[in-house]
Amino acid sequence: MVTLAQVAQQAGVSTAAASLVLSGKSEGRVGARTAQRIRDAAEELGYVRDALAGGLRTKRTLTLGVLGEQVLSTPYAVSMIDGILNASRDLGWSVIFTDSGGDPEQTRRAANELRSRRVDAIIQAAMYHQKVCVPAGLTNVAVLNGFADRDSIMGVVPDEADAAREAVVHLLELGHRRIGHITHDDETTTAVSLRRDAYRTALRQAGIPLDPALVVAGGNDPAGADASARQLLDREDRPTAVFCYNDGMAAGVYRVAASLGLSIPEDLSVVGFDDLLLISTNLAPPLTTMRLPHYEMADWLVRRLATGDVLAITHRFPCELVVRESTAPPRISD
């Protein structure tokens, strides 16, 4: 590895002068021609600053650690990673990514590894809106897409309740009155109850009695989605619209609707949740869905951690309703 002393020797200056220039602190202290000669020497030799060594002196490495829990290798992480990288780039920070796979022991080890690299802040990113166990001893840490297991740590989450209410109101405003809801059967998932309760609230506020038969819970996989959709649609008094827990379940509604000879949106309107583009834009017709604010949450969180402006509360971010061709007024008013 090329050292600072070698750069100084190549440029014919002192090590102190080379350090000032290459750390961005030379203005008014080193002449412009000399500074350029030092930068040219550093580039010619392939010199790279040692952030850890600098951090020992300044106690800052301008490095962000991102600890994922079963999320960084999934399609759900794309917007989060973009938000983290773009904000970090704007701030002049570097980023170290790692993923524990959700295992508590691996999470603890990964957190210790990030600390050993003297990162200035840590983001613990969750797969979905949930309670996250943050390892003890971490400082300047926050949770992305979840909330911490103790009140002293900041988290950012989507506003699930308001988003689900908006999705159902969209269908109500189109004229639908018999609206079904297909949801996940895992009651430990925070978003399940928030979205389901908001669905019920929207109907109640519209003066529509809740029909328990129109709420179906099943597995969060293609087989589970198909089974739930068939239970809801294979009946004479089926709904004219369906609000789905996520886009994957909406895809199951599409498959079952096709098998029953139902046309979307002429016979059945469908709204999803997530706006996972691999699904929402590839269905025919493209899916109306709620877009999760993963990018905005990540960008905001990086900037707050970088400035140390961290409050021990959970911040809720609004979701965006993306209206596409899967929703329309009902063919016959029910």
C-alpha atoms as a PDB file:
ATOM      1  CA  MET A   1       0.000   0.000   0.000  1.00  0.00           C
ATOM      2  CA  VAL A   2       1.300   3.450  -0.924  1.00  0.00           C
ATOM      3  CA  THR A   3       1.992   5.587   2.132  1.00  0.00           C
ATOM      4  CA  LEU A   4       1.534   9.301   2.711  1.00  0.00           C
ATOM      5  CA  ALA A   5       5.305   9.643   3.104  1.00  0.00           C
ATOM      6  CA  GLN A   6       5.826   8.198  -0.388  1.00  0.00           C
ATOM      7  CA  VAL A   7       3.389  10.714  -1.856  1.00  0.00           C
ATOM      8  CA  ALA A   8       5.207  13.549  -0.068  1.00  0.00           C
ATOM      9  CA  GLN A   9       8.568  12.335  -1.371  1.00  0.00           C
ATOM     10  CA  GLN A  10       7.227  12.073  -4.938  1.00  0.00           C
ATOM     11  CA  ALA A  11       5.839  15.633  -4.751  1.00  0.00           C
ATOM     12  CA  GLY A  12       8.942  17.017  -3.012  1.00  0.00           C
ATOM     13  CA  VAL A  13       7.052  18.312   0.019  1.00  0.00           C
ATOM     14  CA  SER A  14       6.745  17.534   3.706  1.00  0.00           C
ATOM     15  CA  THR A  15       4.454  14.796   4.966  1.00  0.00           C
ATOM     16  CA  ALA A  16       2.476  17.446   6.846  1.00  0.00           C
ATOM     17  CA  ALA A  17       1.773  19.378   3.642  1.00  0.00           C
ATOM     18  CA  ALA A  18       0.698  16.221   1.823  1.00  0.00           C
ATOM     19  CA  SER A  19      -1.618  15.337   4.707  1.00  0.00           C
ATOM     20  CA  LEU A  20      -3.256  18.767   4.658  1.00  0.00           C
ATOM     21  CA  VAL A  21      -3.938  18.587   0.923  1.00  0.00           C
ATOM     22  CA  LEU A  22      -5.200  15.014   0.808  1.00  0.00           C
ATOM     23  CA  SER A  23      -7.469  15.530   3.818  1.00  0.00           C
ATOM     24  CA  GLY A  24      -9.034  18.629   2.252  1.00  0.00           C
ATOM     25  CA  LYS A  25      -7.636  21.050   4.845  1.00  0.00           C
ATOM     26  CA  SER A  26      -5.011  22.882   2.784  1.00  0.00           C
ATOM     27  CA  GLU A  27      -6.894  26.036   1.772  1.00  0.00           C
ATOM     28  CA  GLY A  28      -4.874  29.067   2.863  1.00  0.00           C
ATOM     29  CA  ARG A  29      -2.095  26.828   4.167  1.00  0.00           C
ATOM     30  CA  VAL A  30      -0.598  25.217   1.047  1.00  0.00           C
ATOM     31  CA  GLY A  31      -0.134  27.001  -2.282  1.00  0.00           C
ATOM     32  CA  ALA A  32      -2.353  26.012  -5.205  1.00  0.00           C
ATOM     33  CA  ARG A  33       0.526  24.784  -7.392  1.00  0.00           C
ATOM     34  CA  THR A  34       2.010  22.750  -4.564  1.00  0.00           C
ATOM     35  CA  ALA A  35      -1.395  21.300  -3.706  1.00  0.00           C
ATOM     36  CA  GLN A  36      -1.946  20.245  -7.310  1.00  0.00           C
ATOM     37  CA  ARG A  37       1.515  18.658  -7.414  1.00  0.00           C
ATOM     38  CA  ILE A  38       0.620  16.643  -4.304  1.00  0.00           C
ATOM     39  CA  ARG A  39      -2.706  15.503  -5.788  1.00  0.00           C
ATOM     40  CA  ASP A  40      -0.976  14.524  -9.029  1.00  0.00           C
ATOM     41  CA  ALA A  41       1.586  12.484  -7.106  1.00  0.00           C
ATOM     42  CA  ALA A  42      -1.132  10.747  -5.111  1.00  0.00           C
ATOM     43  CA  GLU A  43      -3.040   9.838  -8.266  1.00  0.00           C
ATOM     44  CA  GLU A  44       0.101   8.639 -10.048  1.00  0.00           C
ATOM     45  CA  LEU A  45       1.079   6.396  -7.135  1.00  0.00           C
ATOM     46  CA  GLY A  46      -2.485   5.175  -6.496  1.00  0.00           C
ATOM     47  CA  TYR A  47      -2.622   6.529  -2.958  1.00  0.00           C
ATOM     48  CA  VAL A  48      -5.816   5.848  -0.952  1.00  0.00           C
ATOM     49  CA  ARG A  49      -6.500   7.534   2.388  1.00  0.00           C
ATOM     50  CA  ASP A  50      -6.778   5.202   5.371  1.00  0.00           C
ATOM     51  CA  ALA A  51     -10.171   6.153   6.786  1.00  0.00           C
ATOM     52  CA  LEU A  52      -9.657   4.085   9.940  1.00  0.00           C
ATOM     53  CA  ALA A  53      -6.318   5.715  10.690  1.00  0.00           C
ATOM     54  CA  GLY A  54      -7.859   9.119  10.146  1.00  0.00           C
ATOM     55  CA  GLY A  55     -10.747   8.134  12.347  1.00  0.00           C
ATOM     56  CA  LEU A  56      -8.393   7.389  15.224  1.00  0.00           C
ATOM     57  CA  ARG A  57      -7.328  11.027  15.129  1.00  0.00           C
ATOM     58  CA  THR A  58     -10.674  12.699  14.436  1.00  0.00           C
ATOM     59  CA  LYS A  59     -12.869  10.044  16.082  1.00  0.00           C
ATOM     60  CA  ARG A  60     -14.947  10.136  12.858  1.00  0.00           C
ATOM     61  CA  THR A  61     -14.626   7.788   9.890  1.00  0.00           C
ATOM     62  CA  LEU A  62     -17.652   9.116   7.946  1.00  0.00           C
ATOM     63  CA  THR A  63     -18.737   5.518   7.525  1.00  0.00           C
ATOM     64  CA  LEU A  64     -22.253   4.137   7.860  1.00  0.00           C
ATOM     65  CA  GLY A  65     -22.881   0.519   8.762  1.00  0.00           C
ATOM     66  CA  VAL A  66     -26.062  -1.127   7.443  1.00  0.00           C
ATOM     67  CA  LEU A  67     -27.111  -4.324   9.183  1.00  0.00           C
ATOM     68  CA  GLY A  68     -29.911  -6.135   7.367  1.00  0.00           C
ATOM     69  CA  GLU A  69     -32.215  -8.848   8.656  1.00  0.00           C
ATOM     70  CA  GLN A  70     -33.131 -11.097   5.715  1.00  0.00           C
ATOM     71  CA  VAL A  71     -33.727  -8.070   3.517  1.00  0.00           C
ATOM     72  CA  LEU A  72     -30.626  -6.839   1.673  1.00  0.00           C
ATOM     73  CA  SER A  73     -30.679  -9.669  -0.861  1.00  0.00           C
ATOM     74  CA  THR A  74     -34.405  -9.341  -1.648  1.00  0.00           C
ATOM     75  CA  PRO A  75     -36.287  -7.187  -4.194  1.00  0.00           C
ATOM     76  CA  TYR A  76     -37.787  -5.260  -1.266  1.00  0.00           C
ATOM     77  CA  ALA A  77     -34.347  -3.821  -0.487  1.00  0.00           C
ATOM     78  CA  VAL A  78     -33.691  -2.122  -3.839  1.00  0.00           C
ATOM     79  CA  SER A  79     -35.277   1.212  -2.891  1.00  0.00           C
ATOM     80  CA  MET A  80     -33.787   1.118   0.615  1.00  0.00           C
ATOM     81  CA  ILE A  81     -30.280   0.554  -0.740  1.00  0.00           C
ATOM     82  CA  ASP A  82     -30.708   3.300  -3.343  1.00  0.00           C
ATOM     83  CA  GLY A  83     -31.821   5.738  -0.650  1.00  0.00           C
ATOM     84  CA  ILE A  84     -28.912   4.818   1.623  1.00  0.00           C
ATOM     85  CA  LEU A  85     -26.278   5.016  -1.111  1.00  0.00           C
ATOM     86  CA  ASN A  86     -27.511   8.269  -2.663  1.00  0.00           C
ATOM     87  CA  ALA A  87     -27.793  10.069   0.669  1.00  0.00           C
ATOM     88  CA  SER A  88     -24.385   8.773   1.788  1.00  0.00           C
ATOM     89  CA  ARG A  89     -22.818   9.863  -1.494  1.00  0.00           C
ATOM     90  CA  ASP A  90     -24.274  13.347  -1.085  1.00  0.00           C
ATOM     91  CA  LEU A  91     -22.818  13.560   2.414  1.00  0.00           C
ATOM     92  CA  GLY A  92     -19.411  12.155   1.468  1.00  0.00           C
ATOM     93  CA  TRP A  93     -19.894   9.038   3.594  1.00  0.00           C
ATOM     94  CA  SER A  94     -18.919   5.448   2.857  1.00  0.00           C
ATOM     95  CA  VAL A  95     -21.235   2.494   3.515  1.00  0.00           C
ATOM     96  CA  ILE A  96     -20.586  -1.033   4.763  1.00  0.00           C
ATOM     97  CA  PHE A  97     -23.422  -3.538   4.203  1.00  0.00           C
ATOM     98  CA  THR A  98     -23.946  -6.821   6.022  1.00  0.00           C
ATOM     99  CA  ASP A  99     -26.938  -9.108   6.582  1.00  0.00           C
ATOM    100  CA  SER A 100     -27.477 -11.424   9.525  1.00  0.00           C
ATOM    101  CA  GLY A 101     -30.261 -13.490   7.965  1.00  0.00           C
ATOM    102  CA  GLY A 102     -32.406 -12.619  10.986  1.00  0.00           C
ATOM    103  CA  ASP A 103     -30.467 -14.880  13.355  1.00  0.00           C
ATOM    104  CA  PRO A 104     -29.965 -13.153  16.754  1.00  0.00           C
ATOM    105  CA  GLU A 105     -26.445 -14.482  17.277  1.00  0.00           C
ATOM    106  CA  GLN A 106     -25.395 -13.520  13.748  1.00  0.00           C
ATOM    107  CA  THR A 107     -26.950 -10.090  14.289  1.00  0.00           C
ATOM    108  CA  ARG A 108     -24.837  -9.616  17.420  1.00  0.00           C
ATOM    109  CA  ARG A 109     -21.675 -10.710  15.605  1.00  0.00           C
ATOM    110  CA  ALA A 110     -22.405  -8.478  12.624  1.00  0.00           C
ATOM    111  CA  ALA A 111     -22.999  -5.506  14.919  1.00  0.00           C
ATOM    112  CA  ASN A 112     -19.656  -6.139  16.668  1.00  0.00           C
ATOM    113  CA  GLU A 113     -17.937  -6.355  13.286  1.00  0.00           C
ATOM    114  CA  LEU A 114     -19.341  -2.973  12.284  1.00  0.00           C
ATOM    115  CA  ARG A 115     -18.227  -1.492  15.604  1.00  0.00           C
ATOM    116  CA  SER A 116     -14.725  -2.902  15.088  1.00  0.00           C
ATOM    117  CA  ARG A 117     -14.589  -0.979  11.819  1.00  0.00           C
ATOM    118  CA  ARG A 118     -15.405   2.197  13.751  1.00  0.00           C
ATOM    119  CA  VAL A 119     -18.524   3.111  11.796  1.00  0.00           C
ATOM    120  CA  ASP A 120     -20.037   6.419  12.912  1.00  0.00           C
ATOM    121  CA  ALA A 121     -23.643   5.206  12.719  1.00  0.00           C
ATOM    122  CA  ILE A 122     -25.590   2.000  12.168  1.00  0.00           C
ATOM    123  CA  ILE A 123     -28.884   1.382  10.406  1.00  0.00           C
ATOM    124  CA  GLN A 124     -30.595  -1.893  11.243  1.00  0.00           C
ATOM    125  CA  ALA A 125     -32.882  -2.661   8.284  1.00  0.00           C
ATOM    126  CA  ALA A 126     -35.894  -4.955   8.647  1.00  0.00           C
ATOM    127  CA  MET A 127     -37.536  -7.155   6.019  1.00  0.00           C
ATOM    128  CA  TYR A 128     -40.962  -5.770   6.862  1.00  0.00           C
ATOM    129  CA  HIS A 129     -42.629  -3.478   9.409  1.00  0.00           C
ATOM    130  CA  GLN A 130     -41.874  -5.232  12.696  1.00  0.00           C
ATOM    131  CA  LYS A 131     -40.258  -5.018  16.120  1.00  0.00           C
ATOM    132  CA  VAL A 132     -36.477  -5.287  15.783  1.00  0.00           C
ATOM    133  CA  CYS A 133     -34.137  -6.525  18.518  1.00  0.00           C
ATOM    134  CA  VAL A 134     -31.184  -4.126  18.519  1.00  0.00           C
ATOM    135  CA  PRO A 135     -27.962  -5.530  20.047  1.00  0.00           C
ATOM    136  CA  ALA A 136     -26.869  -3.914  23.292  1.00  0.00           C
ATOM    137  CA  GLY A 137     -24.033  -1.409  23.288  1.00  0.00           C
ATOM    138  CA  LEU A 138     -24.730   0.217  19.915  1.00  0.00           C
ATOM    139  CA  THR A 139     -24.671   4.000  19.725  1.00  0.00           C
ATOM    140  CA  ASN A 140     -26.042   6.329  17.027  1.00  0.00           C
ATOM    141  CA  VAL A 141     -28.203   3.468  15.757  1.00  0.00           C
ATOM    142  CA  ALA A 142     -31.666   3.544  14.186  1.00  0.00           C
ATOM    143  CA  VAL A 143     -34.102   1.032  12.679  1.00  0.00           C
ATOM    144  CA  LEU A 144     -35.217   1.220   9.048  1.00  0.00           C
ATOM    145  CA  ASN A 145     -38.645  -0.231   8.186  1.00  0.00           C
ATOM    146  CA  GLY A 146     -39.356  -1.188  11.779  1.00  0.00           C
ATOM    147  CA  PHE A 147     -39.280  -0.116  15.413  1.00  0.00           C
ATOM    148  CA  ALA A 148     -36.772  -1.049  18.103  1.00  0.00           C
ATOM    149  CA  ASP A 149     -37.400  -3.313  21.063  1.00  0.00           C
ATOM    150  CA  ARG A 150     -36.717  -0.393  23.419  1.00  0.00           C
ATOM    151  CA  ASP A 151     -37.869   3.208  23.485  1.00  0.00           C
ATOM    152  CA  SER A 152     -34.413   4.805  23.372  1.00  0.00           C
ATOM    153  CA  ILE A 153     -33.844   3.997  19.668  1.00  0.00           C
ATOM    154  CA  MET A 154     -35.342   5.803  16.677  1.00  0.00           C
ATOM    155  CA  GLY A 155     -37.216   3.938  13.943  1.00  0.00           C
ATOM    156  CA  VAL A 156     -38.899   4.789  10.646  1.00  0.00           C
ATOM    157  CA  VAL A 157     -41.920   2.892   9.299  1.00  0.00           C
ATOM    158  CA  PRO A 158     -44.572   3.282   6.590  1.00  0.00           C
ATOM    159  CA  ASP A 159     -47.889   4.715   7.728  1.00  0.00           C
ATOM    160  CA  GLU A 160     -49.662   1.412   7.156  1.00  0.00           C
ATOM    161  CA  ALA A 161     -53.015   2.459   8.593  1.00  0.00           C
ATOM    162  CA  ASP A 162     -53.422   5.644   6.582  1.00  0.00           C
ATOM    163  CA  ALA A 163     -52.236   3.907   3.409  1.00  0.00           C
ATOM    164  CA  ALA A 164     -54.680   1.012   3.761  1.00  0.00           C
ATOM    165  CA  ARG A 165     -57.516   3.428   4.500  1.00  0.00           C
ATOM    166  CA  GLU A 166     -56.644   5.406   1.339  1.00  0.00           C
ATOM    167  CA  ALA A 167     -56.624   2.219  -0.742  1.00  0.00           C
ATOM    168  CA  VAL A 168     -60.130   1.274   0.411  1.00  0.00           C
ATOM    169  CA  VAL A 169     -61.403   4.848  -0.001  1.00  0.00           C
ATOM    170  CA  HIS A 170     -60.167   4.741  -3.596  1.00  0.00           C
ATOM    171  CA  LEU A 171     -62.449   1.760  -4.223  1.00  0.00           C
ATOM    172  CA  LEU A 172     -65.329   3.393  -2.372  1.00  0.00           C
ATOM    173  CA  GLU A 173     -64.988   6.538  -4.461  1.00  0.00           C
ATOM    174  CA  LEU A 174     -65.212   4.432  -7.611  1.00  0.00           C
ATOM    175  CA  GLY A 175     -68.602   3.231  -6.372  1.00  0.00           C
ATOM    176  CA  HIS A 176     -67.723  -0.160  -4.863  1.00  0.00           C
ATOM    177  CA  ARG A 177     -69.676  -1.183  -1.767  1.00  0.00           C
ATOM    178  CA  ARG A 178     -68.883  -4.888  -1.543  1.00  0.00           C
ATOM    179  CA  ILE A 179     -65.124  -4.880  -1.015  1.00  0.00           C
ATOM    180  CA  GLY A 180     -63.171  -7.945   0.039  1.00  0.00           C
ATOM    181  CA  HIS A 181     -59.858  -8.095   1.862  1.00  0.00           C
ATOM    182  CA  ILE A 182     -57.244 -10.831   1.393  1.00  0.00           C
ATOM    183  CA  THR A 183     -54.599 -10.768   4.106  1.00  0.00           C
ATOM    184  CA  HIS A 184     -51.705 -12.727   5.586  1.00  0.00           C
ATOM    185  CA  ASP A 185     -52.479 -15.282   8.313  1.00  0.00           C
ATOM    186  CA  ASP A 186     -49.395 -14.338  10.368  1.00  0.00           C
ATOM    187  CA  GLU A 187     -50.827 -12.210  13.182  1.00  0.00           C
ATOM    188  CA  THR A 188     -47.331 -11.476  14.522  1.00  0.00           C
ATOM    189  CA  THR A 189     -46.675  -9.254  11.514  1.00  0.00           C
ATOM    190  CA  THR A 190     -47.470  -5.667  12.528  1.00  0.00           C
ATOM    191  CA  ALA A 191     -48.690  -4.632   9.078  1.00  0.00           C
ATOM    192  CA  VAL A 192     -51.371  -7.361   9.033  1.00  0.00           C
ATOM    193  CA  SER A 193     -53.454  -5.891  11.836  1.00  0.00           C
ATOM    194  CA  LEU A 194     -52.812  -2.275  10.837  1.00  0.00           C
ATOM    195  CA  ARG A 195     -54.004  -2.788   7.257  1.00  0.00           C
ATOM    196  CA  ARG A 196     -56.946  -4.985   8.242  1.00  0.00           C
ATOM    197  CA  ASP A 197     -58.149  -2.574  10.916  1.00  0.00           C
ATOM    198  CA  ALA A 198     -57.866   0.348   8.504  1.00  0.00           C
ATOM    199  CA  TYR A 199     -59.934  -1.582   5.939  1.00  0.00           C
ATOM    200  CA  ARG A 200     -62.663  -2.064   8.541  1.00  0.00           C
ATOM    201  CA  THR A 201     -62.482   1.581   9.622  1.00  0.00           C
ATOM    202  CA  ALA A 202     -62.840   2.863   6.044  1.00  0.00           C
ATOM    203  CA  LEU A 203     -65.948   0.736   5.508  1.00  0.00           C
ATOM    204  CA  ARG A 204     -67.459   1.799   8.814  1.00  0.00           C
ATOM    205  CA  GLN A 205     -66.860   5.471   8.077  1.00  0.00           C
ATOM    206  CA  ALA A 206     -68.592   4.989   4.721  1.00  0.00           C
ATOM    207  CA  GLY A 207     -71.604   3.483   6.507  1.00  0.00           C
ATOM    208  CA  ILE A 208     -71.028  -0.015   5.090  1.00  0.00           C
ATOM    209  CA  PRO A 209     -71.569  -2.947   7.497  1.00  0.00           C
ATOM    210  CA  LEU A 210     -68.610  -5.304   7.730  1.00  0.00           C
ATOM    211  CA  ASP A 211     -69.203  -8.749   6.236  1.00  0.00           C
ATOM    212  CA  PRO A 212     -66.749 -11.155   7.944  1.00  0.00           C
ATOM    213  CA  ALA A 213     -67.038 -13.525   4.980  1.00  0.00           C
ATOM    214  CA  LEU A 214     -65.279 -10.941   2.822  1.00  0.00           C
ATOM    215  CA  VAL A 215     -62.084 -11.064   4.928  1.00  0.00           C
ATOM    216  CA  VAL A 216     -59.900 -14.059   4.085  1.00  0.00           C
ATOM    217  CA  ALA A 217     -56.497 -14.800   5.656  1.00  0.00           C
ATOM    218  CA  GLY A 218     -54.017 -17.238   4.153  1.00  0.00           C
ATOM    219  CA  GLY A 219     -50.418 -18.033   3.391  1.00  0.00           C
ATOM    220  CA  ASN A 220     -48.097 -15.361   2.013  1.00  0.00           C
ATOM    221  CA  ASP A 221     -47.004 -17.442  -0.985  1.00  0.00           C
ATOM    222  CA  PRO A 222     -48.495 -18.222  -4.431  1.00  0.00           C
ATOM    223  CA  ALA A 223     -50.390 -21.277  -3.196  1.00  0.00           C
ATOM    224  CA  GLY A 224     -51.774 -19.391  -0.206  1.00  0.00           C
ATOM    225  CA  ALA A 225     -52.714 -16.404  -2.361  1.00  0.00           C
ATOM    226  CA  ASP A 226     -54.573 -18.620  -4.834  1.00  0.00           C
ATOM    227  CA  ALA A 227     -56.423 -20.457  -2.068  1.00  0.00           C
ATOM    228  CA  SER A 228     -57.507 -17.200  -0.421  1.00  0.00           C
ATOM    229  CA  ALA A 229     -58.587 -15.687  -3.731  1.00  0.00           C
ATOM    230  CA  ARG A 230     -60.617 -18.757  -4.649  1.00  0.00           C
ATOM    231  CA  GLN A 231     -62.360 -18.752  -1.264  1.00  0.00           C
ATOM    232  CA  LEU A 232     -63.362 -15.132  -1.841  1.00  0.00           C
ATOM    233  CA  LEU A 233     -64.260 -15.237  -5.542  1.00  0.00           C
ATOM    234  CA  ASP A 234     -65.765 -18.686  -6.052  1.00  0.00           C
ATOM    235  CA  ARG A 235     -69.149 -17.699  -4.632  1.00  0.00           C
ATOM    236  CA  GLU A 236     -72.327 -16.165  -6.036  1.00  0.00           C
ATOM    237  CA  ASP A 237     -72.148 -13.063  -3.838  1.00  0.00           C
ATOM    238  CA  ARG A 238     -68.497 -12.362  -4.505  1.00  0.00           C
ATOM    239  CA  PRO A 239     -67.192  -8.799  -4.029  1.00  0.00           C
ATOM    240  CA  THR A 240     -66.831  -6.316  -6.871  1.00  0.00           C
ATOM    241  CA  ALA A 241     -63.413  -5.224  -5.544  1.00  0.00           C
ATOM    242  CA  VAL A 242     -60.588  -6.709  -3.481  1.00  0.00           C
ATOM    243  CA  PHE A 243     -57.996  -4.938  -1.334  1.00  0.00           C
ATOM    244  CA  CYS A 244     -54.958  -7.231  -0.977  1.00  0.00           C
ATOM    245  CA  TYR A 245     -52.338  -7.309   1.778  1.00  0.00           C
ATOM    246  CA  ASN A 246     -49.553  -7.204  -0.811  1.00  0.00           C
ATOM    247  CA  ASP A 247     -48.896  -7.397  -4.554  1.00  0.00           C
ATOM    248  CA  GLY A 248     -48.151 -11.126  -4.411  1.00  0.00           C
ATOM    249  CA  MET A 249     -51.632 -11.827  -3.080  1.00  0.00           C
ATOM    250  CA  ALA A 250     -53.070  -9.521  -5.729  1.00  0.00           C
ATOM    251  CA  ALA A 251     -51.359 -11.685  -8.348  1.00  0.00           C
ATOM    252  CA  GLY A 252     -53.231 -14.667  -6.891  1.00  0.00           C
ATOM    253  CA  VAL A 253     -56.504 -12.787  -7.364  1.00  0.00           C
ATOM    254  CA  TYR A 254     -55.568 -12.246 -11.019  1.00  0.00           C
ATOM    255  CA  ARG A 255     -54.886 -15.970 -11.521  1.00  0.00           C
ATOM    256  CA  VAL A 256     -58.111 -17.111  -9.885  1.00  0.00           C
ATOM    257  CA  ALA A 257     -60.179 -14.419 -11.601  1.00  0.00           C
ATOM    258  CA  ALA A 258     -58.883 -15.631 -14.971  1.00  0.00           C
ATOM    259  CA  SER A 259     -59.754 -19.227 -14.125  1.00  0.00           C
ATOM    260  CA  LEU A 260     -63.302 -18.141 -13.280  1.00  0.00           C
ATOM    261  CA  GLY A 261     -63.693 -16.113 -16.455  1.00  0.00           C
ATOM    262  CA  LEU A 262     -63.693 -12.784 -14.601  1.00  0.00           C
ATOM    263  CA  SER A 263     -62.211  -9.714 -16.268  1.00  0.00           C
ATOM    264  CA  ILE A 264     -60.134  -7.133 -14.378  1.00  0.00           C
ATOM    265  CA  PRO A 265     -61.270  -4.382 -13.874  1.00  0.00           C
ATOM    266  CA  GLU A 266     -64.617  -4.872 -15.666  1.00  0.00           C
ATOM    267  CA  ASP A 267     -65.835  -7.623 -13.326  1.00  0.00           C
ATOM    268  CA  LEU A 268     -63.442  -7.105 -10.428  1.00  0.00           C
ATOM    269  CA  SER A 269     -61.252  -4.241  -9.245  1.00  0.00           C
ATOM    270  CA  VAL A 270     -58.012  -5.133  -7.454  1.00  0.00           C
ATOM    271  CA  VAL A 271     -55.710  -3.046  -5.245  1.00  0.00           C
ATOM    272  CA  GLY A 272     -52.380  -4.345  -3.959  1.00  0.00           C
ATOM    273  CA  PHE A 273     -49.793  -3.074  -1.476  1.00  0.00           C
ATOM    274  CA  ASP A 274     -45.999  -2.540  -1.824  1.00  0.00           C
ATOM    275  CA  ASP A 275     -45.682  -1.546  -5.511  1.00  0.00           C
ATOM    276  CA  LEU A 276     -43.109  -4.277  -6.048  1.00  0.00           C
ATOM    277  CA  LEU A 277     -42.428  -3.452  -9.692  1.00  0.00           C
ATOM    278  CA  LEU A 278     -41.557  -7.027 -10.634  1.00  0.00           C
ATOM    279  CA  ILE A 279     -45.228  -7.797  -9.965  1.00  0.00           C
ATOM    280  CA  SER A 280     -47.268  -4.593 -10.193  1.00  0.00           C
ATOM    281  CA  THR A 281     -46.120  -3.471 -13.637  1.00  0.00           C
ATOM    282  CA  ASN A 282     -46.002  -6.964 -15.142  1.00  0.00           C
ATOM    283  CA  LEU A 283     -49.581  -7.964 -14.391  1.00  0.00           C
ATOM    284  CA  ALA A 284     -52.171  -7.463 -17.116  1.00  0.00           C
ATOM    285  CA  PRO A 285     -53.667  -4.995 -16.550  1.00  0.00           C
ATOM    286  CA  PRO A 286     -50.989  -3.240 -14.445  1.00  0.00           C
ATOM    287  CA  LEU A 287     -51.868  -3.189 -10.757  1.00  0.00           C
ATOM    288  CA  THR A 288     -53.176  -0.271  -8.724  1.00  0.00           C
ATOM    289  CA  THR A 289     -51.224  -0.449  -5.468  1.00  0.00           C
ATOM    290  CA  MET A 290     -49.811   1.453  -2.491  1.00  0.00           C
ATOM    291  CA  ARG A 291     -46.114   2.280  -2.919  1.00  0.00           C
ATOM    292  CA  LEU A 292     -44.049   1.829   0.224  1.00  0.00           C
ATOM    293  CA  PRO A 293     -41.754   4.819   0.980  1.00  0.00           C
ATOM    294  CA  HIS A 294     -38.585   2.751   1.363  1.00  0.00           C
ATOM    295  CA  TYR A 295     -36.385   5.214  -0.525  1.00  0.00           C
ATOM    296  CA  GLU A 296     -37.658   8.257   1.368  1.00  0.00           C
ATOM    297  CA  MET A 297     -37.315   6.538   4.746  1.00  0.00           C
ATOM    298  CA  ALA A 298     -33.740   5.446   4.010  1.00  0.00           C
ATOM    299  CA  ASP A 299     -32.666   8.852   2.679  1.00  0.00           C
ATOM    300  CA  TRP A 300     -34.147  10.678   5.673  1.00  0.00           C
ATOM    301  CA  LEU A 301     -32.650   8.275   8.189  1.00  0.00           C
ATOM    302  CA  VAL A 302     -29.102   8.500   6.777  1.00  0.00           C
ATOM    303  CA  ARG A 303     -29.186  12.293   6.916  1.00  0.00           C
ATOM    304  CA  ARG A 304     -30.493  12.340  10.487  1.00  0.00           C
ATOM    305  CA  LEU A 305     -27.833   9.886  11.688  1.00  0.00           C
ATOM    306  CA  ALA A 306     -25.079  11.807   9.905  1.00  0.00           C
ATOM    307  CA  THR A 307     -25.968  15.001  11.752  1.00  0.00           C
ATOM    308  CA  GLY A 308     -26.683  13.261  15.041  1.00  0.00           C
ATOM    309  CA  ASP A 309     -30.214  14.667  14.964  1.00  0.00           C
ATOM    310  CA  VAL A 310     -31.756  11.485  16.342  1.00  0.00           C
ATOM    311  CA  LEU A 311     -34.898  11.414  18.465  1.00  0.00           C
ATOM    312  CA  ALA A 312     -35.991   8.260  20.277  1.00  0.00           C
ATOM    313  CA  ILE A 313     -39.368   8.015  18.546  1.00  0.00           C
ATOM    314  CA  THR A 314     -40.856   6.094  15.632  1.00  0.00           C
ATOM    315  CA  HIS A 315     -41.486   8.262  12.565  1.00  0.00           C
ATOM    316  CA  ARG A 316     -44.253   7.290  10.124  1.00  0.00           C
ATOM    317  CA  PHE A 317     -43.881   8.039   6.435  1.00  0.00           C
ATOM    318  CA  PRO A 318     -46.845   8.391   4.059  1.00  0.00           C
ATOM    319  CA  CYS A 319     -47.322   5.877   1.254  1.00  0.00           C
ATOM    320  CA  GLU A 320     -48.354   6.806  -2.293  1.00  0.00           C
ATOM    321  CA  LEU A 321     -51.381   5.364  -4.074  1.00  0.00           C
ATOM    322  CA  VAL A 322     -50.263   4.416  -7.593  1.00  0.00           C
ATOM    323  CA  VAL A 323     -53.392   4.176  -9.725  1.00  0.00           C
ATOM    324  CA  ARG A 324     -53.090   1.906 -12.726  1.00  0.00           C
ATOM    325  CA  GLU A 325     -55.604  -0.071 -14.803  1.00  0.00           C
ATOM    326  CA  SER A 326     -56.758  -2.682 -12.282  1.00  0.00           C
ATOM    327  CA  THR A 327     -59.439  -0.462 -10.722  1.00  0.00           C
ATOM    328  CA  ALA A 328     -62.628   0.969 -12.255  1.00  0.00           C
ATOM    329  CA  PRO A 329     -66.252   1.615 -11.258  1.00  0.00           C
ATOM    330  CA  PRO A 330     -68.281  -1.569 -10.740  1.00  0.00           C
ATOM    331  CA  ARG A 331     -70.142  -2.814 -13.797  1.00  0.00           C
ATOM    332  CA  ILE A 332     -73.412  -3.041 -11.873  1.00  0.00           C
ATOM    333  CA  SER A 333     -73.919  -1.087  -8.662  1.00  0.00           C
ATOM    334  CA  ASP A 334     -74.310  -3.452  -5.734  1.00  0.00           C
END
